[in-house]
Amino acid sequence: MTSKLDLDPALVARARELARRAGQPVVDLARSHTTVSVERAVLRLAGVVGADPDGIPWVNRLVDAVVADVGLGHGVAAPVFDALAREDITDVTLLAQKAAAGSVRFQVPSGKAATVARKAARRAVGAGVRSIDRRRAERDRLVQRYGDPRQRPWIYLIVATGDIYEDIPQAQAAARAGADVIAVIRSTGQSLLDYVPEGATREGFAGTYATQENFRLMRAALDVSSKELGRYVRLTNYASGLCMPEMATLAGLERLDMMLNDSMYGILFRDINPVRTFVDQRFSRQVHARAGIIINTGEDNYLTTADAVEEAHTVTVSQLLNEFFAHEAGLADWQLGLGHAFEINPELPESFRLELAHALLARELFPDAPLKWMPPTKHMTGDVFRGNLLDGFFNLAGTMTGQGILLVGMMTEAVVTPWLSDRDIALQNVRYVLGAAGGLREDFVPAPGGFIQQRANRVLGEAVELLERIGGQSLLTAIAEGTFGIMKRPADRGKGLAGVAKHEAGYFNPATEILEGDRAGASNELTSPTVASGEAARS
């Protein structure tokens, strides 16, 4: 791709190197720690399903029982499969039930018993990973059969009533009206639950609970819509919060296509412990890589709490860090839905030109990533005419700069819960702009040395300066000092800290062994969508 911003290649390379230096200590930390949610994800892959009569998942009951007997630092797989052998049973969910009743004790096996337990754990977890592989191959076949949307960016629309059985017809109606990606937003507060609810749910607040059964129901419904419409309709949910690894695992098992998965969102906006978050996000991204899931990162959220002009460089820094963490975990460029947003105060002179500079900078820094472009929320006022105009400018900026995924903005966004009619009007806005100006990107070339080029290069320079400062301290210190989104989150505080443990000698995680051991193979080279970049989208 020919640069429209005249970015200095040496400066771009330095920015990536500084991001690697800042991120590597966090990766090392993640590689040497585990969490209760990582261990629960391992057991879900091994086949633990269901919940007790009080709704507590059996996987939580089993991990809690293991931790009570031997702690978390050895991992739970070896103690669990050792107990299965000693109890002479083969059903790991039955073992969880017996453990919850107090009739099973756990130990860290050694010698021959450890060898037997580890072999059995690898076999069981491997079967779970193969299930994810089959779902990924199934997606590839369906995309080949039904095809991808003709236009770019993909139109991404949120549906969430709180009731999965109400969400389904709304999602199908949205797909008929032009949505390419359906996002089922989670019920308020679910990210702070240290368990995944079980079954189909009808009682969510301002969103619908993310559960395996809800994933299954919505994916099946959108498969029907894909056949009807002759294009594959994608499904998005959330791999964030205290159950990030489990959400990623369930998404892989139920063939979701995208997952919200930012390295710092839970830290900054949910006050989840930083170490817990970085450990969980690494494992979740390994699963996403295997499942062929596109991640959506959350840099847009920074601009709802910090000034979108003064702090624009923090978005770029976070995108570079998210890219490094994602690549390290095995994600390919076509899976990096790096986030940014149209959040500059519209009263600011030249606000649209500034937005174009920021959006084009992201596009050129990450040419092969399906960037996720987020609509205005912070400066929505309830004036629906003004709001619809702002959304039109947002849509125009998205097509002019080749964004990959465009979240539909609504004129009542962040003011009230939008009506269905608001969604229809918003989709009309998107369809008009994409229809009238879908190819404008090829004509949009900023003036050499002009306002847009100067602004983009300034933001990149400020990003490099910030990365240099972070490298002089540490990323955890930078987060503690409020560098991103002006939220101060120390590494020794936050929700979920009690669920983190440093690896003991001999720590064993069969899922990580399988995911990392197979990375050198062809697992991440399966069919990838052409939305991978603005360039590829138009080739």
Protein backbone atom coordinates (compact mmCIF):
# COMPACT_ATOMS: atom_id res chain seq x y z
CA MET A 1 0.00 0.00 0.00
CA THR A 2 1.36 3.41 -1.00
CA SER A 3 1.53 5.73 1.98
CA LYS A 4 -0.80 8.71 1.89
CA LEU A 5 0.67 10.17 5.08
CA ASP A 6 4.38 10.10 4.22
CA LEU A 7 5.13 8.26 7.46
CA ASP A 8 8.80 7.70 8.26
CA PRO A 9 9.36 3.91 7.94
CA ALA A 10 12.19 4.09 10.47
CA LEU A 11 9.90 5.77 13.00
CA VAL A 12 7.19 3.17 12.42
CA ALA A 13 9.72 0.38 12.92
CA ARG A 14 10.97 2.05 16.11
CA ALA A 15 7.41 2.30 17.43
CA ARG A 16 6.91 -1.44 16.95
CA GLU A 17 10.23 -2.24 18.58
CA LEU A 18 9.42 -0.05 21.57
CA ALA A 19 6.02 -1.76 21.86
CA ARG A 20 7.79 -5.12 21.88
CA ARG A 21 10.15 -3.96 24.62
CA ALA A 22 7.26 -2.63 26.70
CA GLY A 23 5.15 -5.71 26.18
CA GLN A 24 7.72 -8.50 26.60
CA PRO A 25 7.97 -8.23 30.42
CA VAL A 26 4.18 -8.54 30.57
CA VAL A 27 4.31 -11.64 28.36
CA ASP A 28 7.01 -13.10 30.64
CA LEU A 29 4.74 -12.40 33.62
CA ALA A 30 1.81 -14.10 31.89
CA ARG A 31 3.93 -17.12 30.98
CA SER A 32 4.92 -17.63 34.62
CA HIS A 33 1.47 -17.27 36.23
CA THR A 34 -1.92 -18.88 36.02
CA THR A 35 -5.42 -17.93 37.14
CA VAL A 36 -8.57 -19.73 38.19
CA SER A 37 -10.18 -18.72 34.91
CA VAL A 38 -7.33 -20.19 32.83
CA GLU A 39 -7.61 -23.45 34.76
CA ARG A 40 -11.39 -23.52 34.36
CA ALA A 41 -10.96 -23.06 30.60
CA VAL A 42 -8.63 -26.06 30.54
CA LEU A 43 -11.26 -28.19 32.25
CA ARG A 44 -13.99 -26.96 29.90
CA LEU A 45 -11.84 -28.17 27.01
CA ALA A 46 -11.53 -31.48 28.87
CA GLY A 47 -15.31 -31.83 28.96
CA VAL A 48 -16.65 -30.38 32.22
CA VAL A 49 -20.18 -29.11 31.58
CA GLY A 50 -23.27 -28.03 33.50
CA ALA A 51 -23.99 -26.41 36.85
CA ASP A 52 -25.19 -27.40 40.31
CA PRO A 53 -28.79 -26.75 41.49
CA ASP A 54 -27.74 -23.25 42.63
CA GLY A 55 -26.43 -22.38 39.17
CA ILE A 56 -22.74 -22.59 40.11
CA PRO A 57 -20.90 -24.23 37.19
CA TRP A 58 -19.37 -27.62 37.97
CA VAL A 59 -16.09 -26.35 36.56
CA ASN A 60 -15.99 -23.69 39.31
CA ARG A 61 -16.78 -26.28 41.96
CA LEU A 62 -14.03 -28.56 40.68
CA VAL A 63 -11.33 -25.88 40.49
CA ASP A 64 -12.28 -24.61 43.94
CA ALA A 65 -11.92 -28.14 45.36
CA VAL A 66 -8.51 -28.64 43.76
CA VAL A 67 -7.28 -25.26 45.00
CA ALA A 68 -8.49 -26.03 48.52
CA ASP A 69 -6.40 -29.22 48.59
CA VAL A 70 -3.23 -28.42 46.61
CA GLY A 71 -3.37 -24.76 45.59
CA LEU A 72 -3.40 -23.30 42.10
CA GLY A 73 0.29 -23.06 41.23
CA HIS A 74 0.67 -26.61 39.89
CA GLY A 75 -2.32 -26.27 37.56
CA VAL A 76 -5.46 -28.31 38.02
CA ALA A 77 -5.18 -30.77 35.12
CA ALA A 78 -2.77 -33.24 36.73
CA PRO A 79 -4.56 -33.37 40.13
CA VAL A 80 -7.94 -33.77 38.38
CA PHE A 81 -6.89 -36.61 36.09
CA ASP A 82 -4.95 -38.28 38.88
CA ALA A 83 -8.16 -38.24 40.93
CA LEU A 84 -10.11 -39.69 37.99
CA ALA A 85 -7.69 -42.63 37.89
CA ARG A 86 -7.79 -43.16 41.65
CA GLU A 87 -11.60 -42.98 41.71
CA ASP A 88 -11.79 -45.28 38.67
CA ILE A 89 -14.22 -43.00 36.80
CA THR A 90 -13.97 -41.48 33.33
CA ASP A 91 -16.51 -38.63 33.48
CA VAL A 92 -14.81 -35.43 34.58
CA THR A 93 -18.17 -33.74 35.28
CA LEU A 94 -19.07 -36.62 37.63
CA LEU A 95 -15.74 -36.05 39.37
CA ALA A 96 -16.68 -32.38 39.81
CA GLN A 97 -19.97 -33.41 41.40
CA LYS A 98 -18.21 -35.82 43.78
CA ALA A 99 -15.65 -33.14 44.65
CA ALA A 100 -18.41 -30.64 45.41
CA ALA A 101 -19.91 -33.22 47.80
CA GLY A 102 -16.56 -33.55 49.58
CA SER A 103 -16.03 -37.18 48.63
CA VAL A 104 -12.84 -36.67 46.60
CA ARG A 105 -9.44 -35.43 47.74
CA PHE A 106 -6.82 -34.08 45.37
CA GLN A 107 -3.05 -34.34 45.30
CA VAL A 108 -0.22 -33.36 42.99
CA PRO A 109 0.82 -36.69 41.48
CA SER A 110 4.42 -37.71 41.04
CA GLY A 111 6.33 -40.49 39.32
CA LYS A 112 4.29 -42.94 37.26
CA ALA A 113 1.00 -41.48 38.53
CA ALA A 114 1.98 -38.07 37.19
CA THR A 115 2.87 -39.55 33.79
CA VAL A 116 -0.47 -41.34 33.58
CA ALA A 117 -2.43 -38.25 34.70
CA ARG A 118 -0.70 -35.94 32.25
CA LYS A 119 -1.22 -38.31 29.35
CA ALA A 120 -4.93 -38.59 30.14
CA ALA A 121 -5.26 -34.81 30.50
CA ARG A 122 -3.59 -34.18 27.16
CA ARG A 123 -5.93 -36.67 25.50
CA ALA A 124 -9.06 -35.09 26.98
CA VAL A 125 -8.02 -31.48 26.37
CA GLY A 126 -6.81 -32.39 22.89
CA ALA A 127 -10.31 -33.62 22.07
CA GLY A 128 -11.66 -30.20 23.07
CA VAL A 129 -9.12 -28.42 20.88
CA ARG A 130 -10.03 -30.69 17.95
CA SER A 131 -13.66 -29.67 18.44
CA ILE A 132 -12.59 -26.04 18.03
CA ASP A 133 -10.66 -27.04 14.89
CA ARG A 134 -13.78 -28.64 13.43
CA ARG A 135 -15.86 -25.53 14.10
CA ARG A 136 -13.24 -23.37 12.41
CA ALA A 137 -13.25 -25.64 9.36
CA GLU A 138 -17.05 -25.49 9.38
CA ARG A 139 -16.92 -21.68 9.24
CA ASP A 140 -14.54 -21.83 6.31
CA ARG A 141 -16.93 -24.12 4.41
CA LEU A 142 -19.91 -21.86 5.11
CA VAL A 143 -18.05 -18.72 4.03
CA GLN A 144 -17.08 -20.50 0.83
CA ARG A 145 -20.68 -21.63 0.30
CA TYR A 146 -22.49 -18.38 1.09
CA GLY A 147 -19.78 -15.81 0.47
CA ASP A 148 -18.73 -12.66 2.29
CA PRO A 149 -20.47 -9.27 1.99
CA ARG A 150 -19.63 -7.47 -1.22
CA GLN A 151 -18.94 -4.12 0.39
CA ARG A 152 -16.35 -3.00 2.89
CA PRO A 153 -16.32 -2.06 5.66
CA TRP A 154 -18.45 -4.79 7.21
CA ILE A 155 -21.52 -3.35 8.94
CA TYR A 156 -21.47 -4.26 12.64
CA LEU A 157 -24.66 -3.87 14.65
CA ILE A 158 -25.46 -4.46 18.32
CA VAL A 159 -28.52 -6.49 19.36
CA ALA A 160 -29.21 -7.16 23.03
CA THR A 161 -32.60 -7.12 24.72
CA GLY A 162 -31.63 -9.19 27.76
CA ASP A 163 -33.69 -12.12 26.44
CA ILE A 164 -31.91 -14.43 24.00
CA TYR A 165 -35.25 -15.47 22.49
CA GLU A 166 -36.01 -11.80 21.72
CA ASP A 167 -32.47 -11.20 20.47
CA ILE A 168 -32.74 -13.88 17.80
CA PRO A 169 -35.54 -12.37 15.67
CA GLN A 170 -34.04 -8.91 16.09
CA ALA A 171 -30.64 -10.17 14.95
CA GLN A 172 -32.18 -11.86 11.92
CA ALA A 173 -34.11 -8.70 11.06
CA ALA A 174 -30.90 -6.67 11.37
CA ALA A 175 -29.13 -9.05 9.00
CA ARG A 176 -31.93 -8.66 6.46
CA ALA A 177 -31.57 -4.88 6.79
CA GLY A 178 -27.88 -5.06 5.91
CA ALA A 179 -25.90 -5.96 9.04
CA ASP A 180 -22.90 -8.20 8.34
CA VAL A 181 -21.86 -8.73 11.95
CA ILE A 182 -24.26 -9.15 14.87
CA ALA A 183 -22.86 -8.28 18.31
CA VAL A 184 -24.78 -9.52 21.34
CA ILE A 185 -23.73 -7.14 24.09
CA ARG A 186 -23.44 -8.67 27.55
CA SER A 187 -25.68 -8.01 30.51
CA THR A 188 -24.46 -5.18 32.73
CA GLY A 189 -21.91 -6.42 35.25
CA GLN A 190 -21.27 -9.85 33.75
CA SER A 191 -17.59 -9.03 33.28
CA LEU A 192 -17.26 -8.98 37.08
CA LEU A 193 -18.82 -12.41 37.60
CA ASP A 194 -16.14 -15.02 38.28
CA TYR A 195 -18.22 -17.72 36.64
CA VAL A 196 -20.06 -18.20 33.34
CA PRO A 197 -23.84 -18.59 33.76
CA GLU A 198 -25.34 -21.78 32.40
CA GLY A 199 -28.09 -22.28 29.83
CA ALA A 200 -30.36 -19.99 27.84
CA THR A 201 -31.16 -16.74 29.68
CA ARG A 202 -34.01 -14.24 29.53
CA GLU A 203 -33.19 -11.87 32.40
CA GLY A 204 -30.25 -9.73 31.27
CA PHE A 205 -30.09 -6.01 32.09
CA ALA A 206 -29.07 -3.66 29.25
CA GLY A 207 -27.66 -6.73 27.51
CA THR A 208 -27.95 -10.51 27.34
CA TYR A 209 -25.89 -12.91 29.43
CA ALA A 210 -23.08 -14.59 27.53
CA THR A 211 -23.49 -18.34 27.99
CA GLN A 212 -22.57 -21.35 25.89
CA GLU A 213 -26.20 -22.10 25.17
CA ASN A 214 -26.91 -18.50 24.15
CA PHE A 215 -23.89 -18.68 21.84
CA ARG A 216 -25.25 -21.88 20.29
CA LEU A 217 -28.76 -20.54 19.81
CA MET A 218 -27.68 -17.30 18.15
CA ARG A 219 -25.10 -18.96 15.91
CA ALA A 220 -27.69 -21.46 14.69
CA ALA A 221 -30.18 -18.65 13.97
CA LEU A 222 -27.61 -16.65 12.01
CA ASP A 223 -26.71 -19.74 10.01
CA VAL A 224 -30.34 -19.79 8.88
CA SER A 225 -30.04 -16.11 7.96
CA SER A 226 -26.77 -16.74 6.11
CA LYS A 227 -28.49 -19.31 3.90
CA GLU A 228 -31.45 -17.01 3.33
CA LEU A 229 -29.34 -13.97 2.44
CA GLY A 230 -26.57 -15.68 0.50
CA ARG A 231 -23.78 -14.20 2.64
CA TYR A 232 -22.19 -15.44 5.85
CA VAL A 233 -23.44 -13.39 8.83
CA ARG A 234 -20.87 -13.19 11.61
CA LEU A 235 -21.50 -13.31 15.36
CA THR A 236 -19.67 -11.36 18.06
CA ASN A 237 -19.62 -11.55 21.85
CA TYR A 238 -17.19 -10.72 24.66
CA ALA A 239 -14.02 -12.44 25.88
CA SER A 240 -13.29 -9.95 28.63
CA GLY A 241 -13.69 -9.63 32.37
CA LEU A 242 -12.94 -12.26 34.97
CA CYS A 243 -13.87 -15.20 32.71
CA MET A 244 -11.98 -14.14 29.59
CA PRO A 245 -10.30 -17.56 28.93
CA GLU A 246 -13.57 -19.45 29.39
CA MET A 247 -15.46 -17.09 27.10
CA ALA A 248 -12.82 -17.57 24.40
CA THR A 249 -13.06 -21.34 24.80
CA LEU A 250 -16.85 -21.41 24.61
CA ALA A 251 -16.75 -19.09 21.59
CA GLY A 252 -14.40 -21.47 19.82
CA LEU A 253 -16.59 -24.46 20.64
CA GLU A 254 -19.75 -22.70 19.36
CA ARG A 255 -18.19 -21.09 16.26
CA LEU A 256 -18.40 -17.44 17.10
CA ASP A 257 -16.53 -15.29 14.59
CA MET A 258 -15.39 -12.24 16.55
CA MET A 259 -14.83 -11.54 20.24
CA LEU A 260 -14.25 -8.30 22.10
CA ASN A 261 -10.79 -8.93 23.57
CA ASP A 262 -8.68 -5.97 24.66
CA SER A 263 -5.50 -6.33 26.69
CA MET A 264 -6.27 -3.42 29.03
CA TYR A 265 -10.02 -2.72 28.94
CA GLY A 266 -10.83 -4.82 32.01
CA ILE A 267 -8.02 -3.16 33.94
CA LEU A 268 -8.98 0.40 33.11
CA PHE A 269 -12.76 0.30 33.00
CA ARG A 270 -13.67 -2.63 35.28
CA ASP A 271 -10.84 -2.35 37.84
CA ILE A 272 -9.77 -5.96 37.29
CA ASN A 273 -6.30 -6.71 38.57
CA PRO A 274 -3.68 -6.05 35.86
CA VAL A 275 -1.78 -9.32 36.37
CA ARG A 276 -5.01 -11.33 36.27
CA THR A 277 -5.98 -9.56 33.05
CA PHE A 278 -2.69 -10.05 31.21
CA VAL A 279 -2.48 -13.74 32.14
CA ASP A 280 -6.08 -14.31 31.07
CA GLN A 281 -5.80 -12.36 27.84
CA ARG A 282 -2.73 -14.30 26.66
CA PHE A 283 -4.50 -17.65 27.06
CA SER A 284 -7.71 -16.31 25.52
CA ARG A 285 -5.83 -15.03 22.48
CA GLN A 286 -4.12 -18.38 22.01
CA VAL A 287 -7.60 -19.92 21.84
CA HIS A 288 -8.81 -17.20 19.47
CA ALA A 289 -5.84 -17.82 17.21
CA ARG A 290 -6.66 -21.52 17.05
CA ALA A 291 -10.37 -20.88 16.49
CA GLY A 292 -9.87 -18.37 13.66
CA ILE A 293 -11.71 -15.70 15.64
CA ILE A 294 -11.19 -11.98 14.91
CA ILE A 295 -10.58 -10.02 18.10
CA ASN A 296 -11.92 -6.50 18.63
CA THR A 297 -9.80 -4.33 20.90
CA GLY A 298 -11.09 -1.44 23.00
CA GLU A 299 -8.98 1.63 22.35
CA ASP A 300 -12.14 3.59 21.54
CA ASN A 301 -13.01 3.54 25.24
CA TYR A 302 -10.00 5.68 26.14
CA LEU A 303 -11.49 8.58 24.21
CA THR A 304 -14.70 8.51 26.25
CA THR A 305 -12.75 9.40 29.40
CA ALA A 306 -9.78 11.31 27.97
CA ASP A 307 -9.61 14.10 25.41
CA ALA A 308 -9.70 12.63 21.89
CA VAL A 309 -7.18 15.14 20.54
CA GLU A 310 -4.72 15.52 23.40
CA GLU A 311 -4.65 11.75 24.08
CA ALA A 312 -4.88 10.45 20.52
CA HIS A 313 -1.36 9.05 20.78
CA THR A 314 -2.39 6.77 23.66
CA VAL A 315 -4.75 5.01 21.25
CA THR A 316 -1.86 4.42 18.85
CA VAL A 317 0.33 3.12 21.68
CA SER A 318 -2.38 0.73 22.83
CA GLN A 319 -2.93 -0.50 19.26
CA LEU A 320 0.78 -1.24 18.94
CA LEU A 321 0.78 -3.08 22.27
CA ASN A 322 -2.34 -5.03 21.34
CA GLU A 323 -0.67 -5.98 18.06
CA PHE A 324 2.42 -7.25 19.88
CA PHE A 325 0.45 -9.23 22.46
CA ALA A 326 -1.74 -10.69 19.72
CA HIS A 327 1.16 -11.77 17.51
CA GLU A 328 2.96 -13.29 20.47
CA ALA A 329 -0.16 -15.35 21.25
CA GLY A 330 -0.38 -16.59 17.66
CA LEU A 331 -2.99 -14.31 16.08
CA ALA A 332 -2.50 -13.37 12.43
CA ASP A 333 -2.91 -9.84 11.10
CA TRP A 334 -6.32 -10.65 9.58
CA GLN A 335 -7.56 -11.41 13.13
CA LEU A 336 -6.60 -8.03 14.62
CA GLY A 337 -9.71 -5.86 14.80
CA LEU A 338 -7.81 -3.00 16.42
CA GLY A 339 -10.16 -0.36 17.76
CA HIS A 340 -10.40 3.40 17.42
CA ALA A 341 -13.23 5.92 17.44
CA PHE A 342 -14.79 9.10 16.10
CA GLU A 343 -14.90 10.98 19.42
CA ILE A 344 -13.47 14.46 18.83
CA ASN A 345 -15.68 17.31 20.00
CA PRO A 346 -17.58 18.41 16.87
CA GLU A 347 -17.37 22.04 18.05
CA LEU A 348 -13.59 21.94 17.64
CA PRO A 349 -12.40 23.67 14.44
CA GLU A 350 -11.31 21.18 11.77
CA SER A 351 -12.61 18.27 13.87
CA PHE A 352 -13.43 16.16 10.81
CA ARG A 353 -9.97 16.66 9.34
CA LEU A 354 -8.48 15.57 12.66
CA GLU A 355 -10.66 12.46 12.64
CA LEU A 356 -9.50 11.65 9.12
CA ALA A 357 -5.86 12.03 10.17
CA HIS A 358 -6.28 9.67 13.14
CA ALA A 359 -8.25 7.09 11.17
CA LEU A 360 -5.83 7.10 8.24
CA LEU A 361 -2.88 6.81 10.62
CA ALA A 362 -4.36 3.61 12.08
CA ARG A 363 -5.06 2.29 8.59
CA GLU A 364 -1.48 2.86 7.43
CA LEU A 365 0.16 1.53 10.59
CA PHE A 366 -1.86 -1.69 10.38
CA PRO A 367 -2.54 -2.22 6.66
CA ASP A 368 -3.52 -5.88 6.97
CA ALA A 369 -5.74 -5.58 10.07
CA PRO A 370 -9.56 -5.33 9.92
CA LEU A 371 -9.68 -2.13 11.95
CA LYS A 372 -12.84 -1.64 13.99
CA TRP A 373 -14.15 1.94 13.66
CA MET A 374 -16.42 3.08 16.49
CA PRO A 375 -19.13 5.79 16.24
CA PRO A 376 -19.50 9.00 18.28
CA THR A 377 -20.95 8.62 21.77
CA LYS A 378 -19.28 11.15 24.04
CA HIS A 379 -20.70 14.21 22.27
CA MET A 380 -24.16 12.89 21.50
CA THR A 381 -26.73 15.23 23.08
CA GLY A 382 -30.17 13.81 22.38
CA ASP A 383 -30.63 16.07 19.35
CA VAL A 384 -31.40 13.25 16.92
CA PHE A 385 -30.91 15.38 13.81
CA ARG A 386 -27.45 16.48 14.91
CA GLY A 387 -26.67 12.93 16.00
CA ASN A 388 -27.65 11.45 12.67
CA LEU A 389 -25.45 14.03 10.91
CA LEU A 390 -22.51 13.14 13.17
CA ASP A 391 -23.01 9.48 12.37
CA GLY A 392 -23.04 10.31 8.66
CA PHE A 393 -19.67 12.03 9.01
CA PHE A 394 -18.42 9.02 10.97
CA ASN A 395 -19.56 6.67 8.21
CA LEU A 396 -17.91 8.92 5.62
CA ALA A 397 -14.60 8.91 7.52
CA GLY A 398 -14.79 5.12 7.71
CA THR A 399 -15.13 4.62 3.97
CA MET A 400 -12.63 7.36 3.08
CA THR A 401 -9.93 5.70 5.21
CA GLY A 402 -10.66 2.05 4.45
CA GLN A 403 -11.80 0.79 7.84
CA GLY A 404 -12.59 -2.92 8.03
CA ILE A 405 -15.45 -3.11 10.52
CA LEU A 406 -17.88 -0.23 11.01
CA LEU A 407 -20.05 -0.25 14.13
CA VAL A 408 -23.39 1.33 13.29
CA GLY A 409 -23.85 4.58 15.19
CA MET A 410 -27.34 5.62 16.29
CA MET A 411 -28.59 9.13 16.86
CA THR A 412 -29.74 8.29 20.40
CA GLU A 413 -26.43 6.58 21.26
CA ALA A 414 -25.33 7.08 24.89
CA VAL A 415 -28.49 9.09 25.63
CA VAL A 416 -31.28 6.49 25.77
CA THR A 417 -31.66 2.85 24.75
CA PRO A 418 -32.22 3.11 20.99
CA TRP A 419 -35.59 2.14 19.52
CA LEU A 420 -35.76 -0.40 16.69
CA SER A 421 -36.70 2.50 14.42
CA ASP A 422 -33.46 4.25 15.43
CA ARG A 423 -31.56 1.21 14.20
CA ASP A 424 -33.39 1.28 10.87
CA ILE A 425 -32.60 4.96 10.36
CA ALA A 426 -28.97 4.35 11.31
CA LEU A 427 -28.69 1.51 8.80
CA GLN A 428 -30.19 3.76 6.11
CA ASN A 429 -27.45 6.28 6.91
CA VAL A 430 -24.75 3.62 6.53
CA ARG A 431 -26.21 2.22 3.32
CA TYR A 432 -26.44 5.68 1.77
CA VAL A 433 -22.85 6.63 2.58
CA LEU A 434 -21.38 3.30 1.50
CA GLY A 435 -23.49 3.30 -1.64
CA ALA A 436 -22.73 6.88 -2.59
CA ALA A 437 -19.08 7.04 -1.56
CA GLY A 438 -17.89 3.45 -1.18
CA GLY A 439 -14.95 3.95 -3.55
CA LEU A 440 -13.95 7.39 -2.31
CA ARG A 441 -10.85 6.03 -0.66
CA GLU A 442 -9.03 5.77 -3.96
CA ASP A 443 -9.63 9.50 -4.58
CA PHE A 444 -8.84 10.69 -1.06
CA VAL A 445 -5.18 11.72 -0.96
CA PRO A 446 -4.21 14.30 1.69
CA ALA A 447 -2.22 17.28 0.49
CA PRO A 448 1.55 16.68 0.79
CA GLY A 449 2.77 18.45 3.90
CA GLY A 450 -0.78 19.55 4.66
CA PHE A 451 -2.93 19.51 7.77
CA ILE A 452 -3.79 15.79 7.76
CA GLN A 453 -0.26 14.59 7.08
CA GLN A 454 1.17 16.88 9.74
CA ARG A 455 -1.38 15.77 12.33
CA ALA A 456 -0.84 12.05 11.68
CA ASN A 457 2.92 12.37 11.89
CA ARG A 458 2.63 14.37 15.10
CA VAL A 459 0.47 11.67 16.73
CA LEU A 460 2.92 8.98 15.67
CA GLY A 461 5.80 10.99 17.11
CA GLU A 462 3.95 11.45 20.41
CA ALA A 463 3.23 7.72 20.49
CA VAL A 464 6.93 6.94 20.13
CA GLU A 465 7.77 9.38 22.92
CA LEU A 466 5.23 7.72 25.22
CA LEU A 467 6.53 4.25 24.38
CA GLU A 468 10.03 5.44 25.22
CA ARG A 469 8.80 6.65 28.62
CA ILE A 470 7.00 3.36 29.24
CA GLY A 471 10.20 1.50 28.35
CA GLY A 472 12.05 3.54 30.94
CA GLN A 473 9.72 2.30 33.69
CA SER A 474 7.31 -0.52 32.85
CA LEU A 475 3.89 -0.99 31.31
CA LEU A 476 2.43 -1.92 34.70
CA THR A 477 3.78 1.32 36.17
CA ALA A 478 2.37 3.32 33.26
CA ILE A 479 -1.06 1.78 33.84
CA ALA A 480 -0.82 2.51 37.56
CA GLU A 481 -0.10 6.16 36.77
CA GLY A 482 -3.19 6.62 34.60
CA THR A 483 -1.47 6.75 31.20
CA PHE A 484 -4.40 5.17 29.37
CA GLY A 485 -7.89 6.60 29.68
CA ILE A 486 -6.72 8.56 32.78
CA MET A 487 -7.58 5.49 34.94
CA LYS A 488 -4.97 4.64 37.62
CA ARG A 489 -4.80 0.88 38.24
CA PRO A 490 -1.93 -0.45 40.43
CA ALA A 491 -0.73 -4.01 39.78
CA ASP A 492 -1.25 -5.08 43.41
CA ARG A 493 -4.92 -4.13 43.50
CA GLY A 494 -8.13 -4.77 41.64
CA LYS A 495 -10.76 -7.44 41.36
CA GLY A 496 -9.69 -11.04 40.82
CA LEU A 497 -6.21 -10.75 42.35
CA ALA A 498 -6.91 -13.67 44.70
CA GLY A 499 -7.41 -15.89 41.66
CA VAL A 500 -3.81 -15.45 40.41
CA ALA A 501 -0.92 -17.79 41.24
CA LYS A 502 2.73 -18.03 40.20
CA HIS A 503 3.69 -21.31 38.59
CA GLU A 504 5.15 -23.88 40.93
CA ALA A 505 7.91 -26.21 39.75
CA GLY A 506 6.37 -28.68 37.33
CA TYR A 507 3.32 -26.56 36.50
CA PHE A 508 1.26 -28.38 33.87
CA ASN A 509 -1.27 -26.99 31.42
CA PRO A 510 -2.06 -29.36 28.54
CA ALA A 511 -4.05 -26.71 26.66
CA THR A 512 -1.11 -24.31 26.51
CA GLU A 513 1.20 -27.17 25.50
CA ILE A 514 -1.11 -28.12 22.62
CA LEU A 515 -1.76 -24.55 21.46
CA GLU A 516 1.89 -23.52 21.58
CA GLY A 517 3.18 -26.84 20.27
CA ASP A 518 0.98 -26.74 17.19
CA ARG A 519 1.64 -23.09 16.34
CA ALA A 520 4.49 -23.98 14.04
CA GLY A 521 2.07 -26.06 11.97
CA ALA A 522 -0.67 -25.03 9.63
CA SER A 523 -3.40 -24.36 12.18
CA ASN A 524 -3.28 -20.59 11.74
CA GLU A 525 -3.07 -20.75 7.96
CA LEU A 526 -6.65 -21.89 7.34
CA THR A 527 -8.83 -19.71 5.13
CA SER A 528 -8.90 -16.10 6.27
CA PRO A 529 -11.53 -13.54 5.27
CA THR A 530 -10.77 -10.87 2.71
CA VAL A 531 -11.75 -8.16 5.18
CA ALA A 532 -8.21 -8.48 6.50
CA SER A 533 -7.37 -5.02 5.26
CA GLY A 534 -8.77 -2.05 3.49
CA GLU A 535 -6.48 -2.85 0.55
CA ALA A 536 -7.40 -6.52 0.38
CA ALA A 537 -11.06 -5.59 0.66
CA ARG A 538 -10.86 -3.69 -2.59
CA SER A 539 -8.50 -5.92 -4.53
